[in-house]
Amino acid sequence: MQPVSINLPEECIKALKLPADEIPSRLNRELAIRLYSKGLLSFGKARQLAGLTRWAFHDILGNEGITRRYDVDELKDDLETLEGLE
């Protein structure tokens, strides 16, 4: 699957109150937060899109007031990780 590009009107880009070099990463982060909150991306994939560590993304969700979902598959992954530490 090919990456998806989003074209934003230049006036929207100029209207953003961000330094130009921060815009791409910030838009990815904002998109990741929204997609996760809507249940369209898992925590892991949203975190990956945001380019953040698990803990940093968890903190951002908390700051945004977004409840962290934790499903059975994530529990299994965590248990496998813990078993591997023994």
N, C-alpha and C. Protein backbone atom coordinates (compact mmCIF):
# COMPACT_ATOMS: atom_id res chain seq x y z
N MET A 1 0.84 -1.18 0.00
CA MET A 1 0.00 0.00 0.00
C MET A 1 0.89 1.24 0.00
N GLN A 2 0.52 2.20 -0.80
CA GLN A 2 1.30 3.43 -0.91
C GLN A 2 0.91 4.42 0.19
N PRO A 3 1.87 5.24 0.63
CA PRO A 3 1.55 6.29 1.60
C PRO A 3 0.51 7.25 1.01
N VAL A 4 -0.26 7.86 1.88
CA VAL A 4 -1.29 8.80 1.46
C VAL A 4 -0.81 10.21 1.76
N SER A 5 -0.98 11.08 0.80
CA SER A 5 -0.64 12.49 0.99
C SER A 5 -1.93 13.29 1.07
N ILE A 6 -1.91 14.31 1.90
CA ILE A 6 -3.06 15.20 2.03
C ILE A 6 -2.64 16.58 1.55
N ASN A 7 -3.40 17.14 0.63
CA ASN A 7 -3.11 18.48 0.14
C ASN A 7 -3.93 19.49 0.92
N LEU A 8 -3.25 20.40 1.57
CA LEU A 8 -3.92 21.47 2.30
C LEU A 8 -3.78 22.77 1.54
N PRO A 9 -4.83 23.56 1.51
CA PRO A 9 -4.71 24.87 0.87
C PRO A 9 -3.64 25.70 1.57
N GLU A 10 -2.89 26.44 0.78
CA GLU A 10 -1.80 27.23 1.34
C GLU A 10 -2.27 28.20 2.43
N GLU A 11 -3.47 28.75 2.26
CA GLU A 11 -3.97 29.69 3.27
C GLU A 11 -4.20 28.99 4.62
N CYS A 12 -4.55 27.70 4.58
CA CYS A 12 -4.71 26.95 5.82
C CYS A 12 -3.35 26.70 6.48
N ILE A 13 -2.37 26.37 5.67
CA ILE A 13 -1.02 26.15 6.21
C ILE A 13 -0.49 27.43 6.83
N LYS A 14 -0.68 28.55 6.13
CA LYS A 14 -0.23 29.84 6.65
C LYS A 14 -0.97 30.23 7.93
N ALA A 15 -2.22 29.80 8.05
CA ALA A 15 -3.03 30.15 9.22
C ALA A 15 -2.64 29.37 10.47
N LEU A 16 -1.93 28.26 10.29
CA LEU A 16 -1.50 27.48 11.45
C LEU A 16 -0.51 28.30 12.28
N LYS A 17 -0.71 28.29 13.55
CA LYS A 17 0.17 29.05 14.45
C LYS A 17 1.31 28.16 14.92
N LEU A 18 2.06 27.67 13.95
CA LEU A 18 3.18 26.77 14.21
C LEU A 18 4.35 27.16 13.32
N PRO A 19 5.57 26.93 13.80
CA PRO A 19 6.72 27.11 12.92
C PRO A 19 6.62 26.14 11.74
N ALA A 20 7.03 26.57 10.58
CA ALA A 20 6.88 25.77 9.35
C ALA A 20 7.49 24.38 9.48
N ASP A 21 8.62 24.27 10.18
CA ASP A 21 9.28 22.97 10.29
C ASP A 21 8.55 22.01 11.23
N GLU A 22 7.61 22.50 12.04
CA GLU A 22 6.86 21.65 12.96
C GLU A 22 5.53 21.18 12.37
N ILE A 23 5.10 21.76 11.27
CA ILE A 23 3.76 21.48 10.74
C ILE A 23 3.56 20.01 10.37
N PRO A 24 4.44 19.37 9.60
CA PRO A 24 4.17 17.97 9.23
C PRO A 24 4.04 17.03 10.44
N SER A 25 4.95 17.14 11.39
CA SER A 25 4.88 16.24 12.55
C SER A 25 3.67 16.55 13.41
N ARG A 26 3.33 17.81 13.55
CA ARG A 26 2.17 18.18 14.36
C ARG A 26 0.87 17.71 13.73
N LEU A 27 0.76 17.82 12.40
CA LEU A 27 -0.44 17.34 11.72
C LEU A 27 -0.57 15.83 11.84
N ASN A 28 0.54 15.11 11.74
CA ASN A 28 0.51 13.66 11.94
C ASN A 28 0.03 13.32 13.35
N ARG A 29 0.54 14.06 14.32
CA ARG A 29 0.16 13.82 15.72
C ARG A 29 -1.32 14.10 15.93
N GLU A 30 -1.80 15.22 15.41
CA GLU A 30 -3.21 15.57 15.57
C GLU A 30 -4.12 14.55 14.87
N LEU A 31 -3.72 14.11 13.70
CA LEU A 31 -4.49 13.09 12.97
C LEU A 31 -4.51 11.78 13.75
N ALA A 32 -3.37 11.39 14.28
CA ALA A 32 -3.28 10.15 15.06
C ALA A 32 -4.20 10.20 16.28
N ILE A 33 -4.22 11.31 16.97
CA ILE A 33 -5.07 11.47 18.16
C ILE A 33 -6.54 11.33 17.77
N ARG A 34 -6.93 12.00 16.71
CA ARG A 34 -8.33 11.97 16.27
C ARG A 34 -8.74 10.58 15.80
N LEU A 35 -7.89 9.93 15.01
CA LEU A 35 -8.22 8.59 14.52
C LEU A 35 -8.31 7.59 15.66
N TYR A 36 -7.44 7.72 16.63
CA TYR A 36 -7.50 6.83 17.80
C TYR A 36 -8.78 7.09 18.60
N SER A 37 -9.11 8.36 18.82
CA SER A 37 -10.28 8.69 19.63
C SER A 37 -11.57 8.19 18.98
N LYS A 38 -11.59 8.12 17.65
CA LYS A 38 -12.76 7.63 16.91
C LYS A 38 -12.76 6.10 16.77
N GLY A 39 -11.70 5.44 17.23
CA GLY A 39 -11.62 3.99 17.13
C GLY A 39 -11.22 3.51 15.75
N LEU A 40 -10.66 4.40 14.93
CA LEU A 40 -10.27 4.03 13.57
C LEU A 40 -8.84 3.51 13.49
N LEU A 41 -8.04 3.78 14.51
CA LEU A 41 -6.68 3.25 14.59
C LEU A 41 -6.46 2.69 15.98
N SER A 42 -5.70 1.60 16.05
CA SER A 42 -5.32 1.05 17.36
C SER A 42 -4.33 2.00 18.04
N PHE A 43 -4.12 1.79 19.30
CA PHE A 43 -3.16 2.61 20.04
C PHE A 43 -1.78 2.53 19.39
N GLY A 44 -1.33 1.31 19.08
CA GLY A 44 0.00 1.12 18.51
C GLY A 44 0.17 1.82 17.16
N LYS A 45 -0.82 1.68 16.30
CA LYS A 45 -0.72 2.32 14.98
C LYS A 45 -0.85 3.83 15.09
N ALA A 46 -1.70 4.31 15.97
CA ALA A 46 -1.84 5.76 16.15
C ALA A 46 -0.54 6.33 16.72
N ARG A 47 0.03 5.63 17.66
CA ARG A 47 1.31 6.06 18.25
C ARG A 47 2.39 6.12 17.18
N GLN A 48 2.39 5.12 16.32
CA GLN A 48 3.36 5.07 15.22
C GLN A 48 3.16 6.26 14.27
N LEU A 49 1.92 6.55 13.92
CA LEU A 49 1.63 7.69 13.05
C LEU A 49 2.07 8.99 13.70
N ALA A 50 1.86 9.10 15.00
CA ALA A 50 2.25 10.31 15.73
C ALA A 50 3.76 10.43 15.88
N GLY A 51 4.47 9.31 15.70
CA GLY A 51 5.93 9.33 15.85
C GLY A 51 6.37 9.49 17.30
N LEU A 52 5.58 8.90 18.21
CA LEU A 52 5.85 9.06 19.64
C LEU A 52 6.05 7.71 20.31
N THR A 53 6.69 7.74 21.46
CA THR A 53 6.81 6.53 22.26
C THR A 53 5.45 6.19 22.84
N ARG A 54 5.33 4.98 23.33
CA ARG A 54 4.08 4.54 23.96
C ARG A 54 3.70 5.48 25.09
N TRP A 55 4.67 5.83 25.92
CA TRP A 55 4.39 6.66 27.10
C TRP A 55 4.05 8.10 26.71
N ALA A 56 4.74 8.64 25.73
CA ALA A 56 4.45 10.01 25.30
C ALA A 56 3.06 10.10 24.69
N PHE A 57 2.69 9.11 23.89
CA PHE A 57 1.36 9.13 23.28
C PHE A 57 0.28 8.95 24.35
N HIS A 58 0.55 8.09 25.31
CA HIS A 58 -0.39 7.89 26.42
C HIS A 58 -0.60 9.21 27.17
N ASP A 59 0.49 9.95 27.42
CA ASP A 59 0.39 11.24 28.11
C ASP A 59 -0.44 12.25 27.30
N ILE A 60 -0.22 12.27 25.99
CA ILE A 60 -0.97 13.20 25.14
C ILE A 60 -2.46 12.87 25.16
N LEU A 61 -2.79 11.58 25.10
CA LEU A 61 -4.20 11.20 25.17
C LEU A 61 -4.81 11.67 26.48
N GLY A 62 -4.08 11.50 27.57
CA GLY A 62 -4.57 11.96 28.87
C GLY A 62 -4.77 13.46 28.90
N ASN A 63 -3.81 14.20 28.36
CA ASN A 63 -3.92 15.66 28.32
C ASN A 63 -5.10 16.12 27.47
N GLU A 64 -5.44 15.33 26.46
CA GLU A 64 -6.57 15.65 25.58
C GLU A 64 -7.90 15.13 26.13
N GLY A 65 -7.84 14.41 27.25
CA GLY A 65 -9.06 13.87 27.85
C GLY A 65 -9.62 12.67 27.10
N ILE A 66 -8.75 11.95 26.38
CA ILE A 66 -9.17 10.79 25.60
C ILE A 66 -8.88 9.53 26.40
N THR A 67 -9.92 8.73 26.63
CA THR A 67 -9.79 7.50 27.39
C THR A 67 -9.01 6.47 26.60
N ARG A 68 -8.07 5.85 27.26
CA ARG A 68 -7.25 4.80 26.63
C ARG A 68 -8.03 3.51 26.61
N ARG A 69 -8.22 2.94 25.43
CA ARG A 69 -8.86 1.63 25.30
C ARG A 69 -7.80 0.55 25.42
N TYR A 70 -8.15 -0.52 26.05
CA TYR A 70 -7.22 -1.63 26.24
C TYR A 70 -7.98 -2.90 25.94
N ASP A 71 -7.65 -3.54 24.80
CA ASP A 71 -8.41 -4.72 24.40
C ASP A 71 -7.65 -6.01 24.71
N VAL A 72 -8.29 -7.12 24.41
CA VAL A 72 -7.75 -8.44 24.71
C VAL A 72 -6.43 -8.68 23.98
N ASP A 73 -6.33 -8.24 22.73
CA ASP A 73 -5.10 -8.44 21.96
C ASP A 73 -3.94 -7.69 22.61
N GLU A 74 -4.20 -6.48 23.08
CA GLU A 74 -3.13 -5.72 23.75
C GLU A 74 -2.73 -6.41 25.05
N LEU A 75 -3.68 -6.97 25.77
CA LEU A 75 -3.37 -7.70 26.99
C LEU A 75 -2.50 -8.91 26.68
N LYS A 76 -2.84 -9.65 25.63
CA LYS A 76 -2.03 -10.81 25.23
C LYS A 76 -0.60 -10.38 24.88
N ASP A 77 -0.46 -9.29 24.13
CA ASP A 77 0.86 -8.78 23.77
C ASP A 77 1.66 -8.42 25.02
N ASP A 78 1.00 -7.76 25.96
CA ASP A 78 1.69 -7.37 27.20
C ASP A 78 2.10 -8.60 28.01
N LEU A 79 1.23 -9.60 28.08
CA LEU A 79 1.56 -10.81 28.81
C LEU A 79 2.74 -11.55 28.17
N GLU A 80 2.76 -11.61 26.84
CA GLU A 80 3.89 -12.24 26.14
C GLU A 80 5.19 -11.49 26.43
N THR A 81 5.10 -10.17 26.46
CA THR A 81 6.29 -9.36 26.76
C THR A 81 6.77 -9.65 28.17
N LEU A 82 5.85 -9.71 29.11
CA LEU A 82 6.23 -9.98 30.50
C LEU A 82 6.83 -11.37 30.66
N GLU A 83 6.27 -12.35 29.96
CA GLU A 83 6.80 -13.72 30.03
C GLU A 83 8.22 -13.77 29.45
N GLY A 84 8.47 -12.97 28.45
CA GLY A 84 9.80 -12.92 27.84
C GLY A 84 10.85 -12.30 28.74
N LEU A 85 10.42 -11.55 29.74
CA LEU A 85 11.36 -10.90 30.65
C LEU A 85 11.87 -11.83 31.73
N GLU A 86 11.20 -12.96 31.93
CA GLU A 86 11.60 -13.90 32.98
C GLU A 86 12.87 -14.62 32.64
